[in-house]
Amino acid sequence: MIMYTIVADELLYAGIEEIQTAVEMWVDGVLMQVEIMPNHEVKVIRLMSPELAPYLNDAYMPGRIIRL
C-alpha cells in the first residue's frame, strides 16, 4: 500500500506496536480467528469454518467475547 501524505511517519504509525495479532484457534469445534484477552477470554475476529451452522450461531458472532 502506498500512502501519499505530508504527515510524518512517527505520527502516522504511532501506536502500531499495541495492535494485537489474531490467532487461529478451535473453540467448541469451530475454527476461528480470535484476539486473546486477559482472564481466559477470547474475542472473535472472524469465523473460518467451512460449515454453515457456526455462522448462524449468535455465540460466534464477530466481536463476541468467549470465556475459555
N, C-alpha and C. Protein backbone atom coordinates (compact mmCIF):
# COMPACT_ATOMS: atom_id res chain seq x y z
N MET A 1 0.85 -1.16 0.00
CA MET A 1 0.00 0.00 0.00
C MET A 1 0.90 1.24 0.00
N ILE A 2 0.57 2.18 -0.82
CA ILE A 2 1.32 3.44 -0.90
C ILE A 2 0.43 4.55 -0.37
N MET A 3 1.00 5.34 0.54
CA MET A 3 0.26 6.46 1.11
C MET A 3 1.00 7.75 0.76
N TYR A 4 0.32 8.63 0.05
CA TYR A 4 0.90 9.93 -0.27
C TYR A 4 0.36 10.93 0.74
N THR A 5 1.19 11.36 1.67
CA THR A 5 0.75 12.26 2.72
C THR A 5 1.92 13.11 3.20
N ILE A 6 1.58 14.23 3.80
CA ILE A 6 2.62 15.09 4.38
C ILE A 6 2.81 14.81 5.86
N VAL A 7 2.03 13.88 6.41
CA VAL A 7 2.12 13.53 7.82
C VAL A 7 3.39 12.73 8.06
N ALA A 8 4.10 13.06 9.12
CA ALA A 8 5.34 12.35 9.44
C ALA A 8 5.06 10.89 9.79
N ASP A 9 6.01 10.03 9.47
CA ASP A 9 5.86 8.60 9.74
C ASP A 9 5.63 8.31 11.22
N GLU A 10 6.27 9.09 12.09
CA GLU A 10 6.12 8.89 13.53
C GLU A 10 4.68 9.09 13.98
N LEU A 11 3.98 10.03 13.37
CA LEU A 11 2.58 10.27 13.72
C LEU A 11 1.66 9.26 13.03
N LEU A 12 2.00 8.93 11.81
CA LEU A 12 1.16 8.02 11.04
C LEU A 12 1.11 6.62 11.65
N TYR A 13 2.27 6.16 12.14
CA TYR A 13 2.36 4.81 12.68
C TYR A 13 2.42 4.78 14.20
N ALA A 14 2.03 5.85 14.86
CA ALA A 14 2.04 5.89 16.33
C ALA A 14 1.04 4.88 16.87
N GLY A 15 1.47 4.07 17.81
CA GLY A 15 0.59 3.10 18.45
C GLY A 15 0.46 1.78 17.71
N ILE A 16 1.19 1.60 16.62
CA ILE A 16 1.06 0.36 15.86
C ILE A 16 1.61 -0.84 16.64
N GLU A 17 2.48 -0.59 17.62
CA GLU A 17 3.05 -1.68 18.41
C GLU A 17 2.01 -2.33 19.31
N GLU A 18 0.97 -1.58 19.68
CA GLU A 18 -0.06 -2.12 20.58
C GLU A 18 -1.09 -2.99 19.88
N ILE A 19 -1.06 -3.01 18.56
CA ILE A 19 -2.05 -3.80 17.82
C ILE A 19 -1.77 -5.28 18.03
N GLN A 20 -2.76 -6.00 18.48
CA GLN A 20 -2.62 -7.42 18.72
C GLN A 20 -2.89 -8.18 17.41
N THR A 21 -2.17 -9.25 17.23
CA THR A 21 -2.39 -10.07 16.06
C THR A 21 -3.42 -11.14 16.36
N ALA A 22 -4.16 -11.50 15.35
CA ALA A 22 -5.18 -12.53 15.50
C ALA A 22 -4.52 -13.91 15.50
N VAL A 23 -5.12 -14.81 16.26
CA VAL A 23 -4.62 -16.18 16.38
C VAL A 23 -5.72 -17.12 15.93
N GLU A 24 -5.36 -18.12 15.14
CA GLU A 24 -6.34 -19.14 14.75
C GLU A 24 -6.49 -20.14 15.88
N MET A 25 -7.74 -20.47 16.22
CA MET A 25 -7.99 -21.35 17.35
C MET A 25 -9.30 -22.11 17.13
N TRP A 26 -9.32 -23.34 17.60
CA TRP A 26 -10.55 -24.13 17.60
C TRP A 26 -11.28 -23.86 18.91
N VAL A 27 -12.51 -23.38 18.84
CA VAL A 27 -13.33 -23.14 20.01
C VAL A 27 -14.64 -23.89 19.80
N ASP A 28 -14.93 -24.83 20.67
CA ASP A 28 -16.14 -25.67 20.57
C ASP A 28 -16.26 -26.33 19.20
N GLY A 29 -15.14 -26.75 18.62
CA GLY A 29 -15.15 -27.44 17.34
C GLY A 29 -15.29 -26.52 16.14
N VAL A 30 -15.15 -25.21 16.33
CA VAL A 30 -15.27 -24.24 15.24
C VAL A 30 -13.93 -23.52 15.09
N LEU A 31 -13.39 -23.51 13.87
CA LEU A 31 -12.14 -22.81 13.61
C LEU A 31 -12.44 -21.33 13.42
N MET A 32 -11.74 -20.48 14.18
CA MET A 32 -11.96 -19.03 14.08
C MET A 32 -10.67 -18.28 14.39
N GLN A 33 -10.62 -17.03 13.96
CA GLN A 33 -9.54 -16.14 14.35
C GLN A 33 -10.01 -15.37 15.55
N VAL A 34 -9.17 -15.33 16.58
CA VAL A 34 -9.53 -14.67 17.83
C VAL A 34 -8.39 -13.77 18.30
N GLU A 35 -8.75 -12.81 19.13
CA GLU A 35 -7.78 -11.97 19.82
C GLU A 35 -7.79 -12.41 21.27
N ILE A 36 -6.63 -12.78 21.79
CA ILE A 36 -6.56 -13.28 23.16
C ILE A 36 -6.64 -12.10 24.13
N MET A 37 -7.52 -12.24 25.12
CA MET A 37 -7.74 -11.20 26.11
C MET A 37 -7.39 -11.76 27.49
N PRO A 38 -7.28 -10.90 28.49
CA PRO A 38 -6.98 -11.41 29.84
C PRO A 38 -8.13 -12.24 30.42
N ASN A 39 -7.88 -12.92 31.51
CA ASN A 39 -8.87 -13.72 32.25
C ASN A 39 -9.43 -14.88 31.44
N HIS A 40 -8.60 -15.52 30.61
CA HIS A 40 -9.00 -16.71 29.84
C HIS A 40 -10.20 -16.42 28.94
N GLU A 41 -10.17 -15.30 28.25
CA GLU A 41 -11.22 -14.94 27.32
C GLU A 41 -10.61 -14.66 25.95
N VAL A 42 -11.42 -14.86 24.92
CA VAL A 42 -11.01 -14.52 23.56
C VAL A 42 -12.11 -13.72 22.90
N LYS A 43 -11.72 -12.82 22.00
CA LYS A 43 -12.68 -12.01 21.25
C LYS A 43 -12.67 -12.51 19.81
N VAL A 44 -13.82 -12.85 19.28
CA VAL A 44 -13.94 -13.41 17.94
C VAL A 44 -13.66 -12.32 16.91
N ILE A 45 -12.72 -12.58 16.01
CA ILE A 45 -12.42 -11.68 14.91
C ILE A 45 -13.18 -12.11 13.67
N ARG A 46 -13.05 -13.39 13.29
CA ARG A 46 -13.80 -13.93 12.16
C ARG A 46 -13.84 -15.44 12.23
N LEU A 47 -14.86 -16.01 11.62
CA LEU A 47 -15.00 -17.46 11.54
C LEU A 47 -14.29 -17.96 10.29
N MET A 48 -13.74 -19.15 10.38
CA MET A 48 -13.04 -19.74 9.25
C MET A 48 -13.57 -21.14 8.94
N SER A 49 -14.71 -21.48 9.49
CA SER A 49 -15.30 -22.80 9.33
C SER A 49 -15.93 -22.93 7.94
N PRO A 50 -15.78 -24.09 7.30
CA PRO A 50 -16.44 -24.30 6.00
C PRO A 50 -17.92 -24.66 6.15
N GLU A 51 -18.37 -24.92 7.36
CA GLU A 51 -19.76 -25.30 7.58
C GLU A 51 -20.62 -24.07 7.83
N LEU A 52 -21.90 -24.16 7.54
CA LEU A 52 -22.81 -23.03 7.66
C LEU A 52 -23.32 -22.81 9.08
N ALA A 53 -23.51 -23.86 9.84
CA ALA A 53 -24.12 -23.76 11.17
C ALA A 53 -23.43 -22.77 12.11
N PRO A 54 -22.09 -22.73 12.20
CA PRO A 54 -21.47 -21.76 13.10
C PRO A 54 -21.74 -20.31 12.73
N TYR A 55 -21.93 -20.02 11.45
CA TYR A 55 -22.21 -18.65 11.01
C TYR A 55 -23.60 -18.20 11.46
N LEU A 56 -24.48 -19.15 11.68
CA LEU A 56 -25.84 -18.83 12.11
C LEU A 56 -25.97 -18.77 13.63
N ASN A 57 -24.92 -19.14 14.35
CA ASN A 57 -24.94 -19.14 15.80
C ASN A 57 -24.48 -17.77 16.32
N ASP A 58 -25.34 -17.10 17.07
CA ASP A 58 -25.02 -15.77 17.59
C ASP A 58 -23.84 -15.79 18.56
N ALA A 59 -23.55 -16.92 19.17
CA ALA A 59 -22.45 -17.00 20.13
C ALA A 59 -21.09 -16.82 19.47
N TYR A 60 -21.00 -17.06 18.15
CA TYR A 60 -19.74 -16.94 17.43
C TYR A 60 -19.68 -15.69 16.56
N MET A 61 -20.56 -14.74 16.79
CA MET A 61 -20.59 -13.52 16.00
C MET A 61 -19.31 -12.71 16.23
N PRO A 62 -18.70 -12.15 15.18
CA PRO A 62 -17.50 -11.33 15.37
C PRO A 62 -17.74 -10.21 16.38
N GLY A 63 -16.79 -10.06 17.28
CA GLY A 63 -16.90 -9.07 18.34
C GLY A 63 -17.33 -9.68 19.67
N ARG A 64 -17.89 -10.88 19.63
CA ARG A 64 -18.30 -11.55 20.87
C ARG A 64 -17.09 -12.00 21.67
N ILE A 65 -17.24 -12.01 22.96
CA ILE A 65 -16.19 -12.47 23.87
C ILE A 65 -16.60 -13.84 24.40
N ILE A 66 -15.71 -14.81 24.23
CA ILE A 66 -15.97 -16.18 24.67
C ILE A 66 -15.01 -16.51 25.80
N ARG A 67 -15.56 -17.02 26.87
CA ARG A 67 -14.74 -17.44 28.02
C ARG A 67 -14.31 -18.87 27.79
N LEU A 68 -13.01 -19.12 27.92
CA LEU A 68 -12.47 -20.48 27.72
C LEU A 68 -12.50 -21.27 29.00
